[in-house]
Protein backbone atom coordinates (compact mmCIF):
# COMPACT_ATOMS: atom_id res chain seq x y z
CA MET A 1 44.64 30.20 -44.75
CA THR A 2 44.05 33.92 -44.17
CA LEU A 3 45.42 35.74 -41.14
CA GLN A 4 41.88 36.30 -39.90
CA SER A 5 40.95 32.60 -40.06
CA LEU A 6 44.26 31.65 -38.46
CA LEU A 7 43.59 33.99 -35.54
CA ALA A 8 40.07 32.60 -35.20
CA SER A 9 41.40 29.04 -35.10
CA SER A 10 43.96 30.03 -32.49
CA LEU A 11 41.27 31.57 -30.30
CA VAL A 12 39.17 28.41 -30.52
CA LEU A 13 42.19 26.30 -29.58
CA LEU A 14 43.07 28.57 -26.66
CA GLY A 15 39.46 28.42 -25.48
CA ALA A 16 39.51 24.63 -25.54
CA LEU A 17 42.78 24.51 -23.66
CA SER A 18 41.57 26.93 -21.03
CA THR A 19 38.49 24.83 -20.23
CA ALA A 20 40.37 21.52 -20.00
CA PHE A 21 41.98 20.44 -16.74
CA ALA A 22 43.69 17.39 -15.37
CA GLU A 23 41.62 15.58 -12.79
CA ALA A 24 43.20 14.66 -9.48
CA THR A 25 45.46 11.60 -9.55
CA TRP A 26 44.29 8.80 -7.28
CA LEU A 27 46.63 5.97 -6.36
CA THR A 28 45.34 2.54 -5.37
CA ASN A 29 48.47 0.89 -3.94
CA PHE A 30 48.62 1.95 -0.30
CA GLU A 31 52.29 1.13 0.32
CA GLU A 32 53.38 2.97 -2.82
CA ALA A 33 51.22 5.95 -1.87
CA LYS A 34 52.77 5.98 1.60
CA LYS A 35 56.28 6.13 0.11
CA VAL A 36 55.27 9.07 -2.09
CA ALA A 37 53.64 10.85 0.84
CA ILE A 38 56.70 10.45 3.06
CA LYS A 39 59.01 11.62 0.28
CA GLU A 40 56.87 14.70 -0.44
CA GLY A 41 56.06 15.44 3.20
CA LYS A 42 52.30 15.17 2.68
CA PRO A 43 49.55 13.34 4.54
CA LEU A 44 47.52 10.60 2.90
CA LEU A 45 43.91 11.19 1.97
CA LEU A 46 42.20 7.78 1.98
CA ASP A 47 38.83 7.51 0.25
CA PHE A 48 36.94 4.36 1.28
CA THR A 49 34.27 4.21 -1.40
CA GLY A 50 31.77 2.00 -3.19
CA SER A 51 32.27 3.45 -6.64
CA ASP A 52 29.63 1.49 -8.54
CA TRP A 53 26.78 1.22 -6.03
CA CYS A 54 26.99 3.86 -3.25
CA PRO A 55 24.94 7.04 -4.01
CA PRO A 56 26.72 9.36 -1.53
CA CYS A 57 30.09 8.06 -2.78
CA LYS A 58 29.12 8.94 -6.34
CA ALA A 59 27.87 12.36 -5.21
CA LEU A 60 31.13 13.13 -3.37
CA HIS A 61 33.17 12.20 -6.44
CA LYS A 62 30.97 14.11 -8.87
CA ASN A 63 30.55 17.29 -6.82
CA VAL A 64 33.96 17.48 -5.16
CA PHE A 65 36.69 15.05 -6.19
CA SER A 66 36.13 15.40 -9.95
CA THR A 67 36.22 19.20 -9.93
CA GLU A 68 39.03 21.46 -11.11
CA GLU A 69 39.09 23.34 -7.81
CA PHE A 70 39.66 20.18 -5.79
CA ALA A 71 42.21 18.77 -8.26
CA LYS A 72 44.34 21.92 -8.22
CA GLU A 73 44.40 22.40 -4.46
CA ALA A 74 44.42 18.80 -3.24
CA ALA A 75 47.39 17.87 -5.43
CA GLY A 76 49.63 20.22 -3.48
CA LYS A 77 48.42 19.14 -0.06
CA TYR A 78 47.65 15.41 -0.06
CA VAL A 79 48.53 12.10 -1.66
CA LEU A 80 45.15 10.75 -2.76
CA VAL A 81 44.37 7.05 -2.35
CA GLU A 82 41.18 5.36 -3.54
CA LEU A 83 40.21 2.24 -1.59
CA ASP A 84 37.27 0.85 -3.51
CA PHE A 85 34.68 -1.74 -2.46
CA PRO A 86 32.69 -2.27 -5.68
CA ARG A 87 29.88 -4.76 -6.15
CA THR A 88 30.06 -5.33 -9.90
CA LYS A 89 33.49 -4.08 -10.91
CA GLN A 90 36.22 -6.65 -10.39
CA LEU A 91 39.36 -5.76 -8.44
CA ALA A 92 42.67 -7.60 -8.60
CA PRO A 93 42.83 -10.10 -5.69
CA GLU A 94 45.81 -8.32 -4.07
CA LEU A 95 43.98 -4.95 -4.26
CA LYS A 96 40.82 -6.44 -2.79
CA ALA A 97 42.83 -7.98 0.06
CA GLN A 98 44.67 -4.69 0.71
CA ASN A 99 41.43 -2.68 0.85
CA SER A 100 39.79 -5.20 3.18
CA GLU A 101 42.78 -5.10 5.52
CA LEU A 102 42.73 -1.29 5.65
CA GLN A 103 38.98 -1.31 6.21
CA LYS A 104 39.50 -3.44 9.32
CA LYS A 105 42.53 -1.45 10.48
CA TYR A 106 40.67 1.85 10.40
CA ALA A 107 37.30 0.41 11.54
CA ILE A 108 35.39 1.63 8.49
CA THR A 109 31.66 0.98 8.88
CA GLY A 110 30.12 3.24 6.22
CA TYR A 111 30.81 4.70 2.79
CA PRO A 112 32.14 7.09 1.79
CA THR A 113 34.59 7.50 4.65
CA VAL A 114 37.53 9.80 3.98
CA LEU A 115 40.54 9.79 6.32
CA LEU A 116 43.51 12.10 6.63
CA VAL A 117 46.41 9.95 7.80
CA ASP A 118 49.95 10.77 8.89
CA ALA A 119 52.04 8.82 6.36
CA LYS A 120 54.86 8.15 8.83
CA THR A 121 52.86 7.10 11.92
CA GLY A 122 49.63 5.86 10.35
CA GLU A 123 47.63 7.99 12.79
CA VAL A 124 44.31 9.45 11.69
CA PHE A 125 43.88 13.18 12.22
CA GLY A 126 40.87 13.88 10.01
CA ARG A 127 37.67 12.06 9.09
CA THR A 128 34.52 12.73 7.09
CA VAL A 129 31.67 10.27 6.64
CA GLY A 130 28.98 10.47 3.99
CA PHE A 131 28.33 13.40 1.68
CA GLY A 132 27.02 16.55 3.29
CA GLY A 133 26.23 18.41 0.08
CA TRP A 134 29.54 20.27 0.21
CA SER A 135 30.89 22.41 -2.58
CA PRO A 136 34.56 21.80 -3.47
CA ARG A 137 35.54 24.90 -1.47
CA GLN A 138 33.57 23.83 1.58
CA TYR A 139 35.07 20.36 1.50
CA LEU A 140 38.62 21.64 1.07
CA ASP A 141 38.09 24.00 4.00
CA LYS A 142 36.77 21.13 6.09
CA LEU A 143 39.85 19.06 5.32
CA ALA A 144 42.08 22.04 6.14
CA SER A 145 40.39 22.40 9.53
CA PHE A 146 41.88 19.05 10.64
CA LYS A 147 45.31 19.51 12.19
CA ASN A 148 48.06 16.88 12.36
CA THR A 149 49.01 17.90 15.90
CA PRO A 150 48.39 16.34 19.34
CA ALA A 151 45.68 18.93 19.95
CA GLY A 152 44.15 18.31 16.53
CA LYS A 153 44.04 14.54 17.05
CA ALA A 154 42.53 15.00 20.52
CA ALA A 155 39.86 17.27 19.04
CA LEU A 156 39.03 14.61 16.44
CA VAL A 157 38.67 11.98 19.18
CA ASP A 158 36.31 14.29 21.10
CA GLU A 159 34.31 15.01 17.96
CA GLU A 160 33.94 11.32 17.14
CA LYS A 161 32.99 10.54 20.74
CA LYS A 162 30.19 13.11 20.59
CA ALA A 163 29.07 11.73 17.22
CA ASP A 164 29.00 8.20 18.69
CA GLU A 165 26.92 9.41 21.62
CA THR A 166 24.49 11.15 19.27
CA ARG A 167 24.18 8.02 17.14
CA ALA A 168 23.65 5.87 20.24
CA LYS A 169 20.83 8.13 21.43
CA ALA A 170 19.23 8.11 17.98
CA ASN A 171 19.49 4.31 17.78
CA ALA A 172 17.96 3.94 21.25
CA ALA A 173 15.09 6.25 20.32
CA ARG A 174 14.57 4.34 17.08
CA ALA A 175 14.57 0.99 18.90
CA ALA A 176 12.01 2.29 21.42
CA ALA A 177 9.77 3.58 18.63
CA ASN A 178 10.09 0.30 16.71
CA ALA A 179 9.07 -1.57 19.88
CA LYS A 180 5.99 0.67 20.12
CA ILE A 181 5.14 -0.04 16.49
CA LYS A 182 5.45 -3.79 17.02
CA ALA A 183 3.33 -3.67 20.17
CA ALA A 184 0.65 -1.65 18.38
CA VAL A 185 0.64 -4.00 15.39
CA ASP A 186 0.41 -7.03 17.70
CA ALA A 187 -2.53 -5.33 19.47
CA LYS A 188 -4.18 -4.54 16.11
CA ASP A 189 -4.18 -0.82 17.03
CA PHE A 190 -3.51 1.09 13.84
CA ASP A 191 -3.81 4.57 15.40
CA ALA A 192 -1.10 3.76 17.96
CA ALA A 193 1.10 2.24 15.25
CA SER A 194 0.65 5.33 13.08
CA LYS A 195 1.67 7.63 15.94
CA ALA A 196 4.78 5.54 16.68
CA ILE A 197 5.71 5.52 12.99
CA ASP A 198 5.62 9.33 12.95
CA GLU A 199 8.09 9.31 15.87
CA VAL A 200 10.60 7.09 14.08
CA SER A 201 10.35 8.53 10.56
CA GLY A 202 12.55 11.56 11.22
CA GLY A 203 10.29 13.89 9.27
CA SER A 204 10.41 11.75 6.12
CA LYS A 205 6.87 11.74 4.74
CA LEU A 206 7.81 9.05 2.24
CA MET A 207 9.07 6.62 4.88
CA ALA A 208 6.12 7.40 7.17
CA ALA A 209 3.61 6.66 4.40
CA LEU A 210 5.31 3.41 3.41
CA ASN A 211 5.58 2.20 7.00
CA LYS A 212 1.92 3.04 7.64
CA ALA A 213 0.89 1.09 4.54
CA GLN A 214 2.90 -1.89 5.80
CA ALA A 215 1.47 -1.62 9.34
CA SER A 216 -2.04 -1.40 7.90
CA GLN A 217 -1.51 -4.64 5.99
CA GLN A 218 -0.06 -6.39 9.03
CA ILE A 219 -3.00 -5.32 11.19
CA ASP A 220 -5.81 -5.87 8.67
CA PRO A 221 -4.76 -7.47 5.36
CA ALA A 222 -8.31 -7.21 4.05
CA ASN A 223 -8.36 -3.41 4.36
CA LYS A 224 -6.83 -2.68 0.96
CA GLU A 225 -8.29 0.83 0.82
CA ARG A 226 -6.35 2.03 3.86
CA ALA A 227 -3.06 0.55 2.66
CA LEU A 228 -3.60 2.02 -0.82
CA LYS A 229 -4.29 5.44 0.72
CA PHE A 230 -0.81 5.50 2.25
CA ILE A 231 0.86 4.11 -0.89
CA ASP A 232 -0.80 6.95 -2.82
CA GLU A 233 0.60 9.40 -0.24
CA ALA A 234 4.05 7.91 -0.79
CA ILE A 235 3.71 8.27 -4.56
CA ALA A 236 2.64 11.92 -4.14
CA VAL A 237 5.57 12.95 -1.91
CA ASP A 238 8.15 10.87 -3.82
CA GLY A 239 7.99 13.13 -6.86
CA GLY A 240 8.64 10.31 -9.33
CA ARG A 241 12.09 9.28 -8.06
CA ASN A 242 10.89 5.75 -7.21
CA ALA A 243 7.85 5.69 -9.46
CA GLU A 244 8.30 2.18 -10.85
CA ALA A 245 8.87 0.52 -7.46
CA LEU A 246 5.96 2.35 -5.82
CA LYS A 247 3.62 1.53 -8.70
CA SER A 248 4.56 -2.14 -8.37
CA MET A 249 3.78 -2.01 -4.64
CA ARG A 250 0.42 -0.40 -5.36
CA ASP A 251 -0.47 -2.98 -8.01
CA ARG A 252 0.42 -5.86 -5.67
CA ILE A 253 -1.80 -4.47 -2.89
CA ALA A 254 -4.67 -3.68 -5.28
CA ASN A 255 -4.54 -7.25 -6.58
CA GLY A 256 -4.71 -8.77 -3.11
CA GLY A 257 -1.02 -9.19 -2.36
CA THR A 258 1.29 -7.32 -0.01
CA MET A 259 3.74 -4.50 -0.59
CA ARG A 260 6.51 -7.03 -1.16
CA THR A 261 4.76 -10.07 -2.56
CA ALA A 262 2.25 -10.63 -5.34
CA PRO A 263 -1.03 -12.39 -4.53
CA ALA A 264 -0.76 -16.17 -4.36
CA ALA A 265 -1.64 -17.94 -7.58
CA LYS A 266 -4.93 -19.79 -7.53
CA PRO A 267 -4.79 -23.61 -7.60
CA ALA A 268 -5.14 -25.00 -11.12
CA ALA A 269 -8.47 -26.66 -10.27
CA GLU A 270 -9.89 -23.37 -9.00
CA VAL A 271 -8.72 -21.50 -12.08
CA LYS A 272 -10.34 -24.14 -14.30
CA LYS A 273 -13.57 -23.89 -12.33
CA THR A 274 -13.53 -20.07 -12.61
CA ASP A 275 -12.91 -20.25 -16.37
CA LYS A 276 -15.99 -22.43 -16.78
CA GLY A 277 -18.06 -19.95 -14.78
CA ALA A 278 -18.72 -22.42 -11.96
């Protein structure tokens, strides 16, 4: 091998090494992770996730947890623990029991929920829920903003209280709008139902169109044209993300069924009569 080719090979190898990185290490045994955290003087970062079914969980892992920036910085600050709640992947019985127990202990109601926990006391001093479209840097800064101090824990309690109040108001508004929709459907008043649907849809044109198609069918099942109009609106604003499901809905309505169910099959005698042209 010539010196020139040897240098070229070395450069290729160095380039490959420079682009490779070790992903963050996630433990799954909570008690073992706690021992490590206490020994190293770090808090626990608990990730309650649904790895094989939850879209925001997958997005958080892809866009944050699996990145080099997160791996490098998080390793020095936290002991990472994955607490998975899969639907198809099988967990060992003891791991499944552990995760369920921790879910109850920390009152986890949605995924992904990420907690920062004092390893010695078990107290929570940081929490994120869902995936807010963060970059690795933004998420690391958010985690760093939580402080494991009395003031920091009090601030988290206040923040969660305000979030609970906001959710309660949103749920109350949604319940009131749903009651309006039901009343309008019961009264066979499509215009009133449509107005109430706009109130509850939160600006989502897709959900508004689908709910209006459903209300139209509930009010007047024979008016296929109106229901199809709103299904076509849904298809237009969806941009192809749910094309197959929306097309199936449209076909069911066009053939005399509902959004969710195909038209009832004709009795055998009627089919026979139709085939004979009677």
